[in-house]
Amino acid sequence: MDGEAAAERVGWLLGKVCRLHHLRVHQLLGSLNVYRGQPQVLHALWQEDGLSHSELAARIHITPATLSKMVHRMEKSGLLRTVSDPQDQRVSRIFLTEAGRAIKLDIDRVWHQLDDEAFAGFTPEQRELLASQLESIAGNLARCTRHGVEREGSGATPET
């Protein structure tokens, strides 16, 4: 296989993996009434609760408009609450509710299950090599996008 054909095959396979990963994430998280993109919001707030909309959007690499829709939905489901910043009423801060904190273990289990399913048959060394290569690809693509921000409507990984 020549270099161009190999690159096309790798690109096609990455797309296929992304689609299948998205489908499986949707299946697993749907049982928790959590939807694509929401675990990244929760993860960022588990690390630092009370972020502003703009801080949170930047942290998870999505647009503020996309985040606003997600936060609204997550407020309706009882995972988050927004509070006006006492120092600046124009700024809203996003906080986890008790339910938002409590769901962490369930979401962690989903990610572990997904990893176990996706990497069945891989040695630890193969997993580490693939992780390193994917980080390089992600870095290359982030540099090609405007400020590394993903396009409207796409999600980020749990680690971002």
C-alpha atoms as a PDB file:
ATOM      1  CA  MET A   1       0.000   0.000   0.000  1.00  0.00           C
ATOM      2  CA  ASP A   2       1.500   3.364  -0.976  1.00  0.00           C
ATOM      3  CA  GLY A   3       1.730   6.289   1.470  1.00  0.00           C
ATOM      4  CA  GLU A   4      -1.326   8.123   0.129  1.00  0.00           C
ATOM      5  CA  ALA A   5      -3.518   5.025   0.277  1.00  0.00           C
ATOM      6  CA  ALA A   6      -2.298   4.275   3.813  1.00  0.00           C
ATOM      7  CA  ALA A   7      -3.082   7.842   4.933  1.00  0.00           C
ATOM      8  CA  GLU A   8      -6.578   7.617   3.437  1.00  0.00           C
ATOM      9  CA  ARG A   9      -7.120   4.275   5.170  1.00  0.00           C
ATOM     10  CA  VAL A  10      -5.954   5.658   8.526  1.00  0.00           C
ATOM     11  CA  GLY A  11      -8.206   8.698   8.120  1.00  0.00           C
ATOM     12  CA  TRP A  12     -11.158   6.475   7.244  1.00  0.00           C
ATOM     13  CA  LEU A  13     -10.451   4.205  10.222  1.00  0.00           C
ATOM     14  CA  LEU A  14     -10.220   7.179  12.592  1.00  0.00           C
ATOM     15  CA  GLY A  15     -13.612   8.334  11.356  1.00  0.00           C
ATOM     16  CA  LYS A  16     -15.064   4.858  11.808  1.00  0.00           C
ATOM     17  CA  VAL A  17     -13.669   4.588  15.341  1.00  0.00           C
ATOM     18  CA  CYS A  18     -15.086   8.028  16.201  1.00  0.00           C
ATOM     19  CA  ARG A  19     -18.551   7.073  14.936  1.00  0.00           C
ATOM     20  CA  LEU A  20     -18.565   3.752  16.795  1.00  0.00           C
ATOM     21  CA  HIS A  21     -17.190   5.381  19.939  1.00  0.00           C
ATOM     22  CA  HIS A  22     -19.923   8.033  19.779  1.00  0.00           C
ATOM     23  CA  LEU A  23     -22.600   5.361  19.358  1.00  0.00           C
ATOM     24  CA  ARG A  24     -21.325   3.314  22.308  1.00  0.00           C
ATOM     25  CA  VAL A  25     -20.948   6.393  24.533  1.00  0.00           C
ATOM     26  CA  HIS A  26     -24.534   7.347  23.700  1.00  0.00           C
ATOM     27  CA  GLN A  27     -25.733   3.839  24.615  1.00  0.00           C
ATOM     28  CA  LEU A  28     -23.856   3.719  27.914  1.00  0.00           C
ATOM     29  CA  LEU A  29     -24.516   7.282  29.056  1.00  0.00           C
ATOM     30  CA  GLY A  30     -28.145   7.190  27.948  1.00  0.00           C
ATOM     31  CA  SER A  31     -28.870   4.751  30.753  1.00  0.00           C
ATOM     32  CA  LEU A  32     -27.744   7.524  33.157  1.00  0.00           C
ATOM     33  CA  ASN A  33     -29.743  10.233  31.332  1.00  0.00           C
ATOM     34  CA  VAL A  34     -26.439  11.902  30.482  1.00  0.00           C
ATOM     35  CA  TYR A  35     -25.727  12.885  26.904  1.00  0.00           C
ATOM     36  CA  ARG A  36     -22.723  13.473  24.686  1.00  0.00           C
ATOM     37  CA  GLY A  37     -20.613  16.379  25.851  1.00  0.00           C
ATOM     38  CA  GLN A  38     -22.136  16.506  29.313  1.00  0.00           C
ATOM     39  CA  PRO A  39     -19.463  14.321  30.977  1.00  0.00           C
ATOM     40  CA  GLN A  40     -16.845  16.875  29.903  1.00  0.00           C
ATOM     41  CA  VAL A  41     -18.824  19.646  31.605  1.00  0.00           C
ATOM     42  CA  LEU A  42     -19.155  17.554  34.745  1.00  0.00           C
ATOM     43  CA  HIS A  43     -15.480  16.553  34.677  1.00  0.00           C
ATOM     44  CA  ALA A  44     -14.349  20.190  34.510  1.00  0.00           C
ATOM     45  CA  LEU A  45     -16.653  21.117  37.396  1.00  0.00           C
ATOM     46  CA  TRP A  46     -15.511  18.113  39.454  1.00  0.00           C
ATOM     47  CA  GLN A  47     -12.032  19.597  39.133  1.00  0.00           C
ATOM     48  CA  GLU A  48     -13.113  23.208  39.818  1.00  0.00           C
ATOM     49  CA  ASP A  49     -16.707  23.974  40.719  1.00  0.00           C
ATOM     50  CA  GLY A  50     -18.125  27.445  40.117  1.00  0.00           C
ATOM     51  CA  LEU A  51     -16.546  28.274  36.760  1.00  0.00           C
ATOM     52  CA  SER A  52     -18.046  31.037  34.638  1.00  0.00           C
ATOM     53  CA  HIS A  53     -19.609  30.159  31.278  1.00  0.00           C
ATOM     54  CA  SER A  54     -16.598  31.510  29.388  1.00  0.00           C
ATOM     55  CA  GLU A  55     -14.091  29.736  31.658  1.00  0.00           C
ATOM     56  CA  LEU A  56     -15.922  26.434  31.305  1.00  0.00           C
ATOM     57  CA  ALA A  57     -16.332  26.752  27.521  1.00  0.00           C
ATOM     58  CA  ALA A  58     -12.607  27.445  27.141  1.00  0.00           C
ATOM     59  CA  ARG A  59     -11.682  24.588  29.457  1.00  0.00           C
ATOM     60  CA  ILE A  60     -13.630  21.988  27.442  1.00  0.00           C
ATOM     61  CA  HIS A  61     -12.935  23.522  24.014  1.00  0.00           C
ATOM     62  CA  ILE A  62     -16.477  24.351  22.913  1.00  0.00           C
ATOM     63  CA  THR A  63     -18.208  27.584  22.020  1.00  0.00           C
ATOM     64  CA  PRO A  64     -20.114  29.511  24.701  1.00  0.00           C
ATOM     65  CA  ALA A  65     -23.327  29.070  22.662  1.00  0.00           C
ATOM     66  CA  THR A  66     -22.961  25.285  22.691  1.00  0.00           C
ATOM     67  CA  LEU A  67     -22.199  25.356  26.411  1.00  0.00           C
ATOM     68  CA  SER A  68     -25.291  27.467  27.153  1.00  0.00           C
ATOM     69  CA  LYS A  69     -27.538  24.841  25.561  1.00  0.00           C
ATOM     70  CA  MET A  70     -25.818  22.060  27.486  1.00  0.00           C
ATOM     71  CA  VAL A  71     -25.985  23.901  30.813  1.00  0.00           C
ATOM     72  CA  HIS A  72     -29.688  24.622  30.329  1.00  0.00           C
ATOM     73  CA  ARG A  73     -30.399  20.945  29.673  1.00  0.00           C
ATOM     74  CA  MET A  74     -28.246  19.860  32.610  1.00  0.00           C
ATOM     75  CA  GLU A  75     -30.007  22.323  34.919  1.00  0.00           C
ATOM     76  CA  LYS A  76     -33.357  20.856  33.875  1.00  0.00           C
ATOM     77  CA  SER A  77     -32.068  17.368  34.684  1.00  0.00           C
ATOM     78  CA  GLY A  78     -30.854  18.509  38.114  1.00  0.00           C
ATOM     79  CA  LEU A  79     -27.102  18.126  37.589  1.00  0.00           C
ATOM     80  CA  LEU A  80     -26.125  21.815  37.646  1.00  0.00           C
ATOM     81  CA  ARG A  81     -27.260  25.185  38.897  1.00  0.00           C
ATOM     82  CA  THR A  82     -26.191  28.652  37.823  1.00  0.00           C
ATOM     83  CA  VAL A  83     -25.684  31.553  40.197  1.00  0.00           C
ATOM     84  CA  SER A  84     -24.944  35.203  39.459  1.00  0.00           C
ATOM     85  CA  ASP A  85     -21.431  36.174  40.472  1.00  0.00           C
ATOM     86  CA  PRO A  86     -21.694  38.442  43.539  1.00  0.00           C
ATOM     87  CA  GLN A  87     -18.747  40.537  42.249  1.00  0.00           C
ATOM     88  CA  ASP A  88     -20.186  40.982  38.734  1.00  0.00           C
ATOM     89  CA  GLN A  89     -23.892  40.388  38.096  1.00  0.00           C
ATOM     90  CA  ARG A  90     -23.211  40.028  34.350  1.00  0.00           C
ATOM     91  CA  VAL A  91     -21.298  36.799  35.041  1.00  0.00           C
ATOM     92  CA  SER A  92     -23.019  33.514  35.833  1.00  0.00           C
ATOM     93  CA  ARG A  93     -21.156  30.809  37.695  1.00  0.00           C
ATOM     94  CA  ILE A  94     -21.970  27.139  37.160  1.00  0.00           C
ATOM     95  CA  PHE A  95     -22.097  24.809  40.141  1.00  0.00           C
ATOM     96  CA  LEU A  96     -22.695  21.100  40.553  1.00  0.00           C
ATOM     97  CA  THR A  97     -25.757  20.000  42.465  1.00  0.00           C
ATOM     98  CA  GLU A  98     -25.615  17.032  44.816  1.00  0.00           C
ATOM     99  CA  ALA A  99     -26.844  14.881  41.895  1.00  0.00           C
ATOM    100  CA  GLY A 100     -24.041  16.288  39.716  1.00  0.00           C
ATOM    101  CA  ARG A 101     -21.460  15.255  42.297  1.00  0.00           C
ATOM    102  CA  ALA A 102     -23.091  11.880  42.968  1.00  0.00           C
ATOM    103  CA  ILE A 103     -23.110  10.764  39.320  1.00  0.00           C
ATOM    104  CA  LYS A 104     -19.298  10.844  39.134  1.00  0.00           C
ATOM    105  CA  LEU A 105     -18.843   7.183  40.103  1.00  0.00           C
ATOM    106  CA  ASP A 106     -21.387   6.033  37.512  1.00  0.00           C
ATOM    107  CA  ILE A 107     -19.743   8.066  34.746  1.00  0.00           C
ATOM    108  CA  ASP A 108     -16.294   6.812  35.762  1.00  0.00           C
ATOM    109  CA  ARG A 109     -17.646   3.255  35.472  1.00  0.00           C
ATOM    110  CA  VAL A 110     -18.939   4.022  31.963  1.00  0.00           C
ATOM    111  CA  TRP A 111     -15.514   5.299  30.827  1.00  0.00           C
ATOM    112  CA  HIS A 112     -13.788   2.237  32.303  1.00  0.00           C
ATOM    113  CA  GLN A 113     -16.289  -0.090  30.627  1.00  0.00           C
ATOM    114  CA  LEU A 114     -15.805   1.698  27.310  1.00  0.00           C
ATOM    115  CA  ASP A 115     -12.024   1.410  27.613  1.00  0.00           C
ATOM    116  CA  ASP A 116     -12.281  -2.279  28.475  1.00  0.00           C
ATOM    117  CA  GLU A 117     -14.512  -2.888  25.452  1.00  0.00           C
ATOM    118  CA  ALA A 118     -12.481  -0.783  23.026  1.00  0.00           C
ATOM    119  CA  PHE A 119      -9.092  -2.128  24.071  1.00  0.00           C
ATOM    120  CA  ALA A 120      -9.969  -5.797  24.544  1.00  0.00           C
ATOM    121  CA  GLY A 121      -6.947  -7.822  23.444  1.00  0.00           C
ATOM    122  CA  PHE A 122      -4.491  -4.890  23.642  1.00  0.00           C
ATOM    123  CA  THR A 123      -1.368  -5.170  25.765  1.00  0.00           C
ATOM    124  CA  PRO A 124      -0.611  -2.263  28.123  1.00  0.00           C
ATOM    125  CA  GLU A 125       2.239  -1.295  25.798  1.00  0.00           C
ATOM    126  CA  GLN A 126      -0.072  -1.208  22.767  1.00  0.00           C
ATOM    127  CA  ARG A 127      -2.561   0.950  24.670  1.00  0.00           C
ATOM    128  CA  GLU A 128       0.187   3.366  25.706  1.00  0.00           C
ATOM    129  CA  LEU A 129       1.569   3.598  22.163  1.00  0.00           C
ATOM    130  CA  LEU A 130      -1.890   4.266  20.727  1.00  0.00           C
ATOM    131  CA  ALA A 131      -2.599   6.895  23.400  1.00  0.00           C
ATOM    132  CA  SER A 132       0.661   8.658  22.541  1.00  0.00           C
ATOM    133  CA  GLN A 133      -0.100   8.597  18.814  1.00  0.00           C
ATOM    134  CA  LEU A 134      -3.656   9.870  19.342  1.00  0.00           C
ATOM    135  CA  GLU A 135      -2.352  12.704  21.544  1.00  0.00           C
ATOM    136  CA  SER A 136      -0.023  13.689  18.695  1.00  0.00           C
ATOM    137  CA  ILE A 137      -2.901  13.629  16.191  1.00  0.00           C
ATOM    138  CA  ALA A 138      -5.094  15.667  18.552  1.00  0.00           C
ATOM    139  CA  GLY A 139      -2.308  18.213  18.987  1.00  0.00           C
ATOM    140  CA  ASN A 140      -1.781  18.472  15.233  1.00  0.00           C
ATOM    141  CA  LEU A 141      -5.482  19.025  14.616  1.00  0.00           C
ATOM    142  CA  ALA A 142      -5.844  21.485  17.514  1.00  0.00           C
ATOM    143  CA  ARG A 143      -3.097  23.637  16.001  1.00  0.00           C
ATOM    144  CA  CYS A 144      -4.984  23.657  12.695  1.00  0.00           C
ATOM    145  CA  THR A 145      -8.233  24.902  14.224  1.00  0.00           C
ATOM    146  CA  ARG A 146      -8.826  28.463  15.305  1.00  0.00           C
ATOM    147  CA  HIS A 147      -7.260  28.631  18.795  1.00  0.00           C
ATOM    148  CA  GLY A 148      -7.758  24.868  19.128  1.00  0.00           C
ATOM    149  CA  VAL A 149     -11.505  25.341  19.664  1.00  0.00           C
ATOM    150  CA  GLU A 150     -13.590  22.619  18.079  1.00  0.00           C
ATOM    151  CA  ARG A 151     -16.339  23.527  15.679  1.00  0.00           C
ATOM    152  CA  GLU A 152     -19.864  24.170  16.927  1.00  0.00           C
ATOM    153  CA  GLY A 153     -21.689  20.986  17.853  1.00  0.00           C
ATOM    154  CA  SER A 154     -18.702  18.718  18.331  1.00  0.00           C
ATOM    155  CA  GLY A 155     -17.668  17.356  21.677  1.00  0.00           C
ATOM    156  CA  ALA A 156     -14.442  17.115  23.550  1.00  0.00           C
ATOM    157  CA  THR A 157     -12.797  14.140  25.174  1.00  0.00           C
ATOM    158  CA  PRO A 158     -13.191  13.460  28.856  1.00  0.00           C
ATOM    159  CA  GLU A 159      -9.617  14.434  29.443  1.00  0.00           C
ATOM    160  CA  THR A 160      -9.896  17.909  27.956  1.00  0.00           C
END
